[in-house]
């Protein structure tokens, strides 16, 4: 996600982040997860001391083992050869 200001962060491996030097005020904080493809927003009031703790929780996609979605690529496949092709393990081909 591209932003046009200096107030952004990328989380660490543990999911935490820090955005330093934010002036006091009310802001809308957005969190985006690339694999889930969803943005969560939260209103944040930054006090004069400049420290606020917030938490975002993305719901894991249901029905698959990974947050990433897999799609068949129609550009690459055996059907591009113009004929049916069966794949035979080489061990079978080596037997007399």
N, C-alpha and C. Protein backbone atom coordinates (compact mmCIF):
# COMPACT_ATOMS: atom_id res chain seq x y z
N UNK A 1 0.85 -1.17 0.00
CA UNK A 1 0.00 0.00 0.00
C UNK A 1 0.90 1.23 0.00
N UNK A 2 0.68 2.13 -0.92
CA UNK A 2 1.47 3.35 -1.01
C UNK A 2 0.80 4.45 -0.20
N UNK A 3 1.60 5.21 0.50
CA UNK A 3 1.08 6.34 1.26
C UNK A 3 1.87 7.59 0.89
N UNK A 4 1.20 8.73 0.97
CA UNK A 4 1.82 9.99 0.60
C UNK A 4 2.12 10.82 1.84
N UNK A 5 2.69 10.18 2.87
CA UNK A 5 3.09 10.87 4.09
C UNK A 5 4.11 10.01 4.82
N UNK A 6 4.79 10.58 5.80
CA UNK A 6 5.83 9.81 6.51
C UNK A 6 5.30 8.94 7.63
N UNK A 7 3.98 8.89 7.83
CA UNK A 7 3.41 8.18 8.97
C UNK A 7 2.90 6.80 8.57
N UNK A 8 3.82 5.88 8.48
CA UNK A 8 3.47 4.50 8.16
C UNK A 8 4.51 3.58 8.78
N UNK A 9 4.18 2.30 8.84
CA UNK A 9 5.12 1.32 9.39
C UNK A 9 4.82 -0.04 8.78
N UNK A 10 5.83 -0.87 8.75
CA UNK A 10 5.69 -2.28 8.38
C UNK A 10 5.92 -3.08 9.64
N UNK A 11 5.04 -4.01 9.91
CA UNK A 11 5.15 -4.77 11.16
C UNK A 11 6.40 -5.64 11.19
N UNK A 12 6.85 -5.89 12.39
CA UNK A 12 7.95 -6.83 12.59
C UNK A 12 7.43 -8.25 12.55
N UNK A 13 8.31 -9.21 12.74
CA UNK A 13 7.90 -10.62 12.70
C UNK A 13 6.87 -10.95 13.77
N UNK A 14 6.90 -10.21 14.87
CA UNK A 14 5.94 -10.46 15.95
C UNK A 14 4.63 -9.68 15.76
N UNK A 15 4.52 -8.90 14.68
CA UNK A 15 3.30 -8.17 14.39
C UNK A 15 3.23 -6.78 14.97
N UNK A 16 4.26 -6.36 15.70
CA UNK A 16 4.23 -5.04 16.31
C UNK A 16 4.81 -3.99 15.37
N UNK A 17 4.43 -2.74 15.61
CA UNK A 17 4.95 -1.63 14.81
C UNK A 17 4.99 -0.37 15.66
N UNK A 18 5.79 0.60 15.24
CA UNK A 18 5.89 1.90 15.89
C UNK A 18 5.94 2.95 14.79
N UNK A 19 5.14 4.01 14.97
CA UNK A 19 5.18 5.16 14.06
C UNK A 19 5.58 6.35 14.92
N UNK A 20 6.84 6.79 14.83
CA UNK A 20 7.32 7.86 15.71
C UNK A 20 6.93 9.27 15.23
N UNK A 21 7.02 10.22 16.16
CA UNK A 21 6.90 11.66 15.88
C UNK A 21 5.58 12.07 15.26
N UNK A 22 4.48 11.54 15.74
CA UNK A 22 3.16 11.93 15.24
C UNK A 22 2.65 13.09 16.12
N UNK A 23 2.27 14.21 15.52
CA UNK A 23 1.75 15.33 16.31
C UNK A 23 0.43 14.94 17.00
N UNK A 24 0.12 15.58 18.15
CA UNK A 24 -1.14 15.28 18.83
C UNK A 24 -2.32 15.56 17.92
N UNK A 25 -3.38 14.75 18.07
CA UNK A 25 -4.59 14.94 17.27
C UNK A 25 -5.33 13.64 17.07
N UNK A 26 -6.42 13.72 16.32
CA UNK A 26 -7.23 12.54 16.01
C UNK A 26 -6.92 12.10 14.58
N UNK A 27 -6.65 10.81 14.43
CA UNK A 27 -6.26 10.26 13.14
C UNK A 27 -7.05 8.99 12.85
N UNK A 28 -7.09 8.62 11.59
CA UNK A 28 -7.63 7.33 11.19
C UNK A 28 -6.45 6.44 10.84
N UNK A 29 -6.29 5.37 11.57
CA UNK A 29 -5.19 4.43 11.36
C UNK A 29 -5.71 3.29 10.51
N UNK A 30 -5.00 2.95 9.44
CA UNK A 30 -5.39 1.85 8.57
C UNK A 30 -4.34 0.76 8.64
N UNK A 31 -4.80 -0.48 8.69
CA UNK A 31 -3.91 -1.64 8.64
C UNK A 31 -4.33 -2.48 7.45
N UNK A 32 -3.35 -2.92 6.66
CA UNK A 32 -3.62 -3.70 5.46
C UNK A 32 -2.81 -4.98 5.50
N UNK A 33 -3.45 -6.08 5.16
CA UNK A 33 -2.77 -7.38 5.12
C UNK A 33 -2.74 -7.83 3.66
N UNK A 34 -1.53 -7.97 3.08
CA UNK A 34 -1.45 -8.28 1.66
C UNK A 34 -2.04 -9.63 1.27
N UNK A 35 -1.92 -10.63 2.12
CA UNK A 35 -2.43 -11.95 1.76
C UNK A 35 -3.94 -12.03 1.92
N UNK A 36 -4.49 -11.30 2.87
CA UNK A 36 -5.92 -11.32 3.08
C UNK A 36 -6.59 -10.33 2.14
N UNK A 37 -5.86 -9.27 1.75
CA UNK A 37 -6.38 -8.28 0.83
C UNK A 37 -7.46 -7.41 1.44
N UNK A 38 -7.35 -7.16 2.71
CA UNK A 38 -8.36 -6.40 3.43
C UNK A 38 -7.70 -5.28 4.21
N UNK A 39 -8.42 -4.15 4.33
CA UNK A 39 -7.95 -3.03 5.13
C UNK A 39 -8.86 -2.85 6.33
N UNK A 40 -8.27 -2.70 7.51
CA UNK A 40 -9.02 -2.41 8.72
C UNK A 40 -8.69 -0.97 9.13
N UNK A 41 -9.68 -0.24 9.63
CA UNK A 41 -9.45 1.14 10.06
C UNK A 41 -9.87 1.30 11.51
N UNK A 42 -9.21 2.27 12.16
CA UNK A 42 -9.51 2.55 13.56
C UNK A 42 -9.20 4.01 13.82
N UNK A 43 -10.09 4.71 14.51
CA UNK A 43 -9.84 6.09 14.90
C UNK A 43 -8.90 6.09 16.11
N UNK A 44 -7.90 6.98 16.08
CA UNK A 44 -6.89 7.02 17.14
C UNK A 44 -6.71 8.47 17.59
N UNK A 45 -6.76 8.68 18.90
CA UNK A 45 -6.49 10.00 19.49
C UNK A 45 -5.07 9.96 20.04
N UNK A 46 -4.17 10.75 19.43
CA UNK A 46 -2.77 10.80 19.88
C UNK A 46 -2.65 11.95 20.88
N UNK A 47 -2.29 11.65 22.14
CA UNK A 47 -2.15 12.70 23.15
C UNK A 47 -0.83 13.46 23.01
N UNK A 48 -0.66 14.48 23.84
CA UNK A 48 0.54 15.31 23.78
C UNK A 48 1.81 14.50 24.05
N UNK A 49 1.73 13.45 24.88
CA UNK A 49 2.94 12.65 25.14
C UNK A 49 3.26 11.73 23.96
N UNK A 50 2.33 11.60 23.00
CA UNK A 50 2.60 10.90 21.75
C UNK A 50 2.60 9.40 21.79
N UNK A 51 2.05 8.78 22.85
CA UNK A 51 2.07 7.32 22.90
C UNK A 51 0.66 6.77 22.95
N UNK A 52 0.33 5.89 22.00
CA UNK A 52 -0.97 5.21 21.95
C UNK A 52 -0.71 3.77 21.59
N UNK A 53 -1.45 2.88 22.21
CA UNK A 53 -1.34 1.46 21.85
C UNK A 53 -2.66 1.04 21.20
N UNK A 54 -2.57 0.46 20.00
CA UNK A 54 -3.74 -0.03 19.29
C UNK A 54 -3.51 -1.46 18.85
N UNK A 55 -4.60 -2.13 18.51
CA UNK A 55 -4.48 -3.52 18.10
C UNK A 55 -5.43 -3.77 16.93
N UNK A 56 -4.95 -4.51 15.94
CA UNK A 56 -5.76 -4.93 14.81
C UNK A 56 -5.75 -6.45 14.77
N UNK A 57 -6.87 -7.04 14.40
CA UNK A 57 -6.94 -8.50 14.27
C UNK A 57 -7.61 -8.83 12.93
N UNK A 58 -6.85 -9.44 12.05
CA UNK A 58 -7.39 -9.88 10.76
C UNK A 58 -7.91 -11.29 10.92
N UNK A 59 -9.10 -11.53 10.38
CA UNK A 59 -9.68 -12.87 10.44
C UNK A 59 -9.04 -13.72 9.35
N UNK A 60 -8.57 -14.88 9.73
CA UNK A 60 -7.96 -15.79 8.76
C UNK A 60 -9.02 -16.28 7.78
N UNK A 61 -8.67 -16.39 6.50
CA UNK A 61 -9.62 -16.90 5.52
C UNK A 61 -10.06 -18.32 5.87
N UNK A 62 -11.29 -18.62 5.63
CA UNK A 62 -11.81 -19.96 5.95
C UNK A 62 -11.79 -20.84 4.71
N UNK A 63 -11.60 -22.12 4.91
CA UNK A 63 -11.69 -23.08 3.82
C UNK A 63 -10.39 -23.30 3.07
N UNK A 64 -9.29 -22.73 3.56
CA UNK A 64 -8.00 -23.00 2.92
C UNK A 64 -6.91 -22.95 3.98
N UNK A 65 -5.79 -23.57 3.69
CA UNK A 65 -4.71 -23.70 4.67
C UNK A 65 -3.83 -22.46 4.75
N UNK A 66 -3.91 -21.61 3.75
CA UNK A 66 -3.05 -20.43 3.70
C UNK A 66 -3.91 -19.21 3.44
N UNK A 67 -3.38 -18.05 3.82
CA UNK A 67 -4.08 -16.80 3.52
C UNK A 67 -3.99 -16.49 2.03
N UNK A 68 -3.04 -17.10 1.34
CA UNK A 68 -2.87 -16.86 -0.09
C UNK A 68 -3.86 -17.69 -0.88
N UNK A 69 -4.37 -17.12 -1.96
CA UNK A 69 -5.28 -17.86 -2.83
C UNK A 69 -4.50 -18.35 -4.04
N UNK A 70 -4.72 -19.60 -4.39
CA UNK A 70 -4.06 -20.18 -5.55
C UNK A 70 -5.05 -20.26 -6.69
N UNK A 71 -4.58 -19.95 -7.87
CA UNK A 71 -5.41 -20.04 -9.05
C UNK A 71 -4.66 -20.78 -10.13
N UNK A 72 -5.39 -21.55 -10.91
CA UNK A 72 -4.78 -22.19 -12.06
C UNK A 72 -4.44 -21.11 -13.08
N UNK A 73 -3.28 -21.20 -13.66
CA UNK A 73 -2.88 -20.23 -14.67
C UNK A 73 -3.22 -20.80 -16.04
N UNK A 74 -4.16 -20.19 -16.74
CA UNK A 74 -4.57 -20.75 -18.03
C UNK A 74 -3.49 -20.64 -19.10
N UNK A 75 -2.44 -19.89 -18.86
CA UNK A 75 -1.40 -19.72 -19.87
C UNK A 75 -0.39 -20.87 -19.86
N UNK A 76 -0.33 -21.59 -18.74
CA UNK A 76 0.67 -22.65 -18.63
C UNK A 76 -0.01 -23.94 -18.23
N UNK A 77 0.04 -24.91 -19.10
CA UNK A 77 -0.57 -26.20 -18.82
C UNK A 77 -0.34 -27.13 -19.99
N UNK A 78 -0.60 -28.40 -19.76
CA UNK A 78 -0.36 -29.40 -20.79
C UNK A 78 -1.25 -29.20 -22.00
N UNK A 79 -2.41 -28.57 -21.81
CA UNK A 79 -3.30 -28.36 -22.94
C UNK A 79 -2.69 -27.42 -23.98
N UNK A 80 -1.68 -26.68 -23.61
CA UNK A 80 -1.01 -25.79 -24.56
C UNK A 80 -0.20 -26.56 -25.59
N UNK A 81 0.09 -27.82 -25.31
CA UNK A 81 0.84 -28.62 -26.26
C UNK A 81 -0.01 -29.02 -27.47
N UNK A 82 -1.32 -28.81 -27.36
CA UNK A 82 -2.20 -29.13 -28.47
C UNK A 82 -2.64 -30.57 -28.50
N UNK A 83 -2.27 -31.35 -27.52
CA UNK A 83 -2.69 -32.74 -27.46
C UNK A 83 -2.72 -33.16 -25.99
N UNK A 84 -3.41 -34.24 -25.71
CA UNK A 84 -3.42 -34.76 -24.35
C UNK A 84 -2.06 -35.33 -24.03
N UNK A 85 -1.60 -35.07 -22.87
CA UNK A 85 -0.27 -35.54 -22.46
C UNK A 85 -0.42 -36.19 -21.09
N UNK A 86 0.01 -37.42 -20.97
CA UNK A 86 -0.01 -38.04 -19.65
C UNK A 86 1.39 -38.04 -19.08
N UNK A 87 1.45 -37.78 -17.81
CA UNK A 87 2.75 -37.73 -17.13
C UNK A 87 2.96 -39.08 -16.44
N UNK A 88 4.08 -39.73 -16.77
CA UNK A 88 4.40 -41.04 -16.22
C UNK A 88 5.69 -40.88 -15.41
N UNK A 89 5.67 -41.29 -14.14
CA UNK A 89 6.89 -41.22 -13.33
C UNK A 89 8.03 -41.99 -14.00
N UNK A 90 9.22 -41.44 -13.96
CA UNK A 90 10.36 -42.04 -14.65
C UNK A 90 10.71 -43.43 -14.12
N UNK A 91 10.36 -43.73 -12.86
CA UNK A 91 10.63 -45.06 -12.31
C UNK A 91 9.89 -46.11 -13.11
N UNK A 92 8.67 -45.85 -13.49
CA UNK A 92 7.89 -46.80 -14.29
C UNK A 92 8.54 -47.02 -15.65
N UNK A 93 9.08 -45.98 -16.21
CA UNK A 93 9.71 -46.10 -17.53
C UNK A 93 11.00 -46.91 -17.48
N UNK A 94 11.65 -47.00 -16.33
CA UNK A 94 12.92 -47.70 -16.21
C UNK A 94 12.75 -49.20 -16.00
N UNK A 95 11.57 -49.66 -15.67
CA UNK A 95 11.33 -51.08 -15.44
C UNK A 95 11.27 -51.81 -16.77
N UNK A 96 11.87 -53.03 -16.86
CA UNK A 96 11.83 -53.79 -18.13
C UNK A 96 10.48 -54.39 -18.38
